[in-house]
Structures are given as C-alpha cells and as structure tokens.
Amino acid sequence: MAELTLVTARIQDGIWTGELTAVADGNYQPDIEVTHLETPVAGVAVAQVPGRRLTWSLRIPIPSAALSEGVQTILIRDRRTGTRLGSFAILTGAPLEDDIRAEVDLLRAELDMLKRAFRRHCVETAG
C-alpha cells in the first residue's frame, strides 16, 4: 500500500492544481476521488510529472455548483483507502464573519465519509 502526500500549488483560471507524491513499490498509479457535496467532480486529471518517479500533477476544475452563496468545500481522497488527502473551500457571497463555517462544513463532509466507511465495514463483517 502506498503513502500519498498532496501539496497545494494554486488556484488559477478556475483550476485547482497540486502535486501528489507517493512512497510505494513497483508501478504504482494513484486512484483519486474528488467530491463536492458528495458528488464526484468531473474532469479531474492526474498526470505523471516527467522525470519524477512517483510524482503526479493533479488538476481539479472547480465546478460551477461550487460557486454558490456561502462556503463550498471540495474534498480530495484516495479512492483505495478512503483517506482524505486534502480539501479546499470556496467562500462566496456576503462576507463571512467567522471561518468556523468552513471548518463545520469540512467536519460534516468528513463525518459523512466516516458513516459510509462504518456502514461498509458492518456489511463486510456481518454474517
């Protein structure tokens, strides 16, 4: 199993970019899941960085649905393990008084992920 690390590079022209590195054996290829409101984000691209083994560039087009009033959180996970590799929040509309709203939104998304994992575990271990 690989240990993945994600480093944010920037957001420009509606595209979030980052760099993904792995500590793994053999010919490893990452399987990344990106969601907004539990819906997969379309157009996510993972490409090997030329000349750098086990390093990939990750490009995530910001969905238009994420440009809505309030705090919108995009989650980035390793599909194989369900591990959250990173996230980013987009704040639009009236100025928010406190960044705690972004944190609460992220906690809710993580809680939903844990509930799904727990249910899957219960199904797999039952009978």
Protein backbone atom coordinates (compact mmCIF):
# COMPACT_ATOMS: atom_id res chain seq x y z
CA MET A 1 0.00 0.00 0.00
CA ALA A 2 1.25 3.49 -0.84
CA GLU A 3 1.52 6.53 1.37
CA LEU A 4 0.30 9.58 -0.57
CA THR A 5 1.09 13.23 0.10
CA LEU A 6 -0.70 16.14 -1.56
CA VAL A 7 0.76 19.64 -1.78
CA THR A 8 -1.39 22.52 -2.98
CA ALA A 9 0.13 24.62 -5.71
CA ARG A 10 -2.54 27.20 -6.60
CA ILE A 11 -5.96 28.05 -7.98
CA GLN A 12 -5.91 29.86 -11.30
CA ASP A 13 -8.50 30.27 -14.07
CA GLY A 14 -10.97 28.03 -12.25
CA ILE A 15 -8.49 25.14 -11.92
CA TRP A 16 -7.07 23.94 -8.60
CA THR A 17 -3.63 22.38 -9.07
CA GLY A 18 -1.48 20.37 -6.73
CA GLU A 19 1.30 17.83 -6.66
CA LEU A 20 0.82 14.29 -5.45
CA THR A 21 3.74 12.13 -4.30
CA ALA A 22 3.79 8.52 -3.19
CA VAL A 23 6.01 6.24 -1.18
CA ALA A 24 5.30 2.94 -2.91
CA ASP A 25 6.85 -0.10 -4.53
CA GLY A 26 6.66 -1.04 -8.17
CA ASN A 27 4.48 0.57 -10.79
CA TYR A 28 2.04 2.47 -8.56
CA GLN A 29 -0.72 4.64 -10.06
CA PRO A 30 -2.89 6.79 -7.74
CA ASP A 31 -6.69 6.49 -7.77
CA ILE A 32 -8.04 9.86 -6.64
CA GLU A 33 -11.65 10.77 -5.83
CA VAL A 34 -12.70 14.42 -5.75
CA THR A 35 -16.17 15.39 -4.49
CA HIS A 36 -18.30 18.46 -3.90
CA LEU A 37 -21.42 17.87 -1.79
CA GLU A 38 -20.79 14.10 -2.09
CA THR A 39 -20.96 14.39 -5.90
CA PRO A 40 -17.90 13.42 -7.96
CA VAL A 41 -16.20 16.36 -9.67
CA ALA A 42 -15.87 15.85 -13.44
CA GLY A 43 -12.69 16.48 -15.39
CA VAL A 44 -10.14 15.65 -12.67
CA ALA A 45 -6.75 14.94 -14.26
CA VAL A 46 -3.84 13.05 -12.70
CA ALA A 47 -0.67 13.07 -14.83
CA GLN A 48 2.82 11.74 -14.18
CA VAL A 49 5.36 14.55 -13.74
CA PRO A 50 8.04 13.95 -16.41
CA GLY A 51 11.33 12.76 -14.96
CA ARG A 52 9.98 12.36 -11.42
CA ARG A 53 9.06 8.82 -10.43
CA LEU A 54 6.02 8.50 -8.11
CA THR A 55 5.07 12.17 -8.56
CA TRP A 56 1.91 13.36 -10.32
CA SER A 57 0.26 16.67 -11.05
CA LEU A 58 -3.38 16.88 -10.00
CA ARG A 59 -5.74 19.29 -11.77
CA ILE A 60 -9.27 19.83 -10.49
CA PRO A 61 -11.68 22.05 -12.43
CA ILE A 62 -13.81 23.95 -9.93
CA PRO A 63 -17.44 23.02 -10.67
CA SER A 64 -19.87 25.88 -11.26
CA ALA A 65 -22.07 24.48 -8.46
CA ALA A 66 -19.23 25.32 -6.05
CA LEU A 67 -19.61 28.98 -6.94
CA SER A 68 -22.73 29.38 -4.85
CA GLU A 69 -23.57 31.50 -1.83
CA GLY A 70 -21.71 30.54 1.32
CA VAL A 71 -18.93 28.04 1.94
CA GLN A 72 -18.40 25.22 -0.54
CA THR A 73 -15.84 22.50 0.22
CA ILE A 74 -14.10 20.24 -2.29
CA LEU A 75 -12.71 17.00 -0.79
CA ILE A 76 -9.77 15.07 -2.27
CA ARG A 77 -9.44 11.41 -1.24
CA ASP A 78 -7.50 8.28 -2.04
CA ARG A 79 -10.22 6.06 -3.52
CA ARG A 80 -8.43 2.85 -2.48
CA THR A 81 -8.21 3.66 1.23
CA GLY A 82 -10.79 6.43 1.66
CA THR A 83 -8.07 8.59 3.24
CA ARG A 84 -8.61 12.33 2.91
CA LEU A 85 -5.57 13.76 1.15
CA GLY A 86 -6.72 17.36 1.19
CA SER A 87 -9.52 19.82 0.65
CA PHE A 88 -10.17 23.39 -0.25
CA ALA A 89 -13.03 25.74 0.48
CA ILE A 90 -14.56 28.44 -1.68
CA LEU A 91 -16.31 31.31 0.10
CA THR A 92 -18.70 33.49 -1.91
CA GLY A 93 -21.45 35.97 -1.25
CA ALA A 94 -21.76 38.18 1.78
CA PRO A 95 -18.57 38.39 3.85
CA LEU A 96 -18.48 35.63 6.41
CA GLU A 97 -17.99 36.71 9.98
CA ASP A 98 -16.06 33.65 11.01
CA ASP A 99 -14.04 30.96 9.26
CA ILE A 100 -15.63 28.42 11.61
CA ARG A 101 -18.32 27.86 8.98
CA ALA A 102 -15.74 26.43 6.60
CA GLU A 103 -14.49 24.13 9.35
CA VAL A 104 -18.01 22.94 10.19
CA ASP A 105 -18.67 22.23 6.51
CA LEU A 106 -15.46 20.19 6.32
CA LEU A 107 -16.31 18.29 9.52
CA ARG A 108 -19.75 17.42 8.14
CA ALA A 109 -18.20 16.07 4.95
CA GLU A 110 -15.70 14.01 6.94
CA LEU A 111 -18.46 12.68 9.20
CA ASP A 112 -20.42 11.58 6.13
CA MET A 113 -17.32 9.80 4.86
CA LEU A 114 -16.86 8.03 8.22
CA LYS A 115 -20.52 6.98 8.29
CA ARG A 116 -20.18 5.41 4.83
CA ALA A 117 -16.98 3.62 5.83
CA PHE A 118 -18.58 2.32 9.05
CA ARG A 119 -21.65 1.05 7.19
CA ARG A 120 -19.43 -0.63 4.59
CA HIS A 121 -17.41 -2.24 7.40
CA CYS A 122 -20.61 -3.52 9.07
CA VAL A 123 -21.83 -5.04 5.80
CA GLU A 124 -18.46 -6.67 5.11
CA THR A 125 -18.11 -8.18 8.59
CA ALA A 126 -21.74 -9.27 9.06
CA GLY A 127 -22.52 -12.94 8.67
